[in-house]
Each structure stands twice: as C-alpha cells, then as structure tokens.
Amino acid sequence: MLSGFNLDPGRTVKADPLSGYLVAAGGVGALALVASAIASRSGAVVTVWTQCFMAAIVATGLFGGMAVQQHEDKLNQPAPAFTA
C-alpha cells in the first residue's frame, strides 16, 4: 500500500503493480469457496452463507482491482497518435 509513498517532492515513485496482490486475493477467495463446500457437507448453514459472502466480496475486489490495473496500464502506455 505504501510502495508509491514518498515525501521527497523531487522524486517520482511508481506504486507496485496489483497483479501479485490480486493472485493472493484470488487464493483467499478459493479457500473461502473450499471452506463453504466443507461446511455444506457438514451441515453448517451459517458458515456456508458467510463463506460464500466472503468469496463474493473477494471476487468484487478482484474485478475492481483488475479494472484499476487495466486503467493504470492504459495511462502508462497511451495509444499512438493518428498519422495522415
């Protein structure tokens, strides 16, 4: 989170790409789905719902993070200008 933070006004610092963090978040979402499957087999209804809710929150964060990363990539590599 603080990889792009710097107090020096003369220095430009780029933040780390989100790809590694998105992979880790996807792993957490996958573990939530596995936990909900195990809980459903054992009949723990509340745990199933809460783990599915957590997986949905993680999926929302993943899609939002991918959208932010694509936007940042487009800003860093603009399309070439039209030449006649």
Protein backbone atom coordinates (compact mmCIF):
# COMPACT_ATOMS: atom_id res chain seq x y z
CA MET A 1 0.00 0.00 0.00
CA LEU A 2 2.82 2.39 0.76
CA SER A 3 5.06 1.38 -2.14
CA GLY A 4 4.20 4.59 -4.04
CA PHE A 5 4.51 6.86 -0.96
CA ASN A 6 7.44 9.26 -0.79
CA LEU A 7 7.90 12.59 0.99
CA ASP A 8 10.54 13.85 -1.46
CA PRO A 9 8.80 16.23 -3.93
CA GLY A 10 11.67 15.99 -6.41
CA ARG A 11 11.40 12.24 -6.82
CA THR A 12 8.65 10.39 -8.66
CA VAL A 13 7.86 6.97 -7.27
CA LYS A 14 5.67 4.39 -9.01
CA ALA A 15 3.46 2.10 -6.98
CA ASP A 16 3.80 -1.67 -7.27
CA PRO A 17 1.52 -3.39 -9.82
CA LEU A 18 -1.57 -5.05 -8.39
CA SER A 19 -1.07 -8.40 -10.12
CA GLY A 20 0.67 -10.15 -7.22
CA TYR A 21 -1.89 -8.89 -4.73
CA LEU A 22 -4.75 -9.99 -6.99
CA VAL A 23 -3.34 -13.51 -7.17
CA ALA A 24 -3.12 -13.64 -3.38
CA ALA A 25 -6.69 -12.35 -3.04
CA GLY A 26 -7.85 -14.98 -5.54
CA GLY A 27 -6.25 -17.64 -3.35
CA VAL A 28 -8.15 -16.33 -0.34
CA GLY A 29 -11.39 -16.44 -2.35
CA ALA A 30 -10.68 -20.01 -3.42
CA LEU A 31 -10.08 -21.00 0.21
CA ALA A 32 -13.41 -19.39 1.15
CA LEU A 33 -15.16 -21.49 -1.50
CA VAL A 34 -13.46 -24.66 -0.25
CA ALA A 35 -14.48 -23.80 3.31
CA SER A 36 -18.08 -23.28 2.21
CA ALA A 37 -18.08 -26.65 0.42
CA ILE A 38 -16.74 -28.40 3.53
CA ALA A 39 -19.25 -26.59 5.72
CA SER A 40 -22.12 -27.54 3.43
CA ARG A 41 -21.17 -31.22 3.68
CA SER A 42 -21.19 -30.98 7.48
CA GLY A 43 -24.48 -29.05 7.59
CA ALA A 44 -23.18 -25.73 8.97
CA VAL A 45 -25.60 -23.42 7.16
CA VAL A 46 -24.39 -20.14 8.70
CA THR A 47 -20.77 -20.93 7.82
CA VAL A 48 -21.77 -21.74 4.25
CA TRP A 49 -23.50 -18.38 3.84
CA THR A 50 -20.71 -16.38 5.46
CA GLN A 51 -18.01 -18.08 3.41
CA CYS A 52 -20.00 -17.53 0.20
CA PHE A 53 -20.40 -13.89 1.21
CA MET A 54 -16.63 -13.62 1.74
CA ALA A 55 -15.98 -15.22 -1.65
CA ALA A 56 -18.35 -12.69 -3.25
CA ILE A 57 -16.55 -9.79 -1.56
CA VAL A 58 -13.18 -11.13 -2.71
CA ALA A 59 -14.50 -11.57 -6.28
CA THR A 60 -15.75 -7.97 -6.27
CA GLY A 61 -12.33 -6.81 -5.11
CA LEU A 62 -10.63 -8.89 -7.79
CA PHE A 63 -12.72 -7.48 -10.61
CA GLY A 64 -12.30 -3.95 -9.28
CA GLY A 65 -8.54 -4.44 -8.94
CA MET A 66 -8.27 -5.78 -12.47
CA ALA A 67 -10.19 -2.77 -13.78
CA VAL A 68 -7.91 -0.36 -11.89
CA GLN A 69 -4.79 -2.14 -13.17
CA GLN A 70 -6.03 -2.01 -16.78
CA HIS A 71 -6.76 1.70 -16.38
CA GLU A 72 -3.27 2.32 -14.98
CA ASP A 73 -1.70 0.32 -17.81
CA LYS A 74 -3.56 2.39 -20.41
CA LEU A 75 -2.36 5.62 -18.77
CA ASN A 76 1.25 4.44 -18.80
CA GLN A 77 1.15 3.23 -22.43
CA PRO A 78 -1.03 5.60 -24.47
CA ALA A 79 -2.17 4.62 -27.96
CA PRO A 80 -0.13 6.02 -30.84
CA ALA A 81 -1.43 9.17 -32.49
CA PHE A 82 -3.09 9.06 -35.91
CA THR A 83 -0.77 9.99 -38.75
CA ALA A 84 -2.04 11.03 -42.14
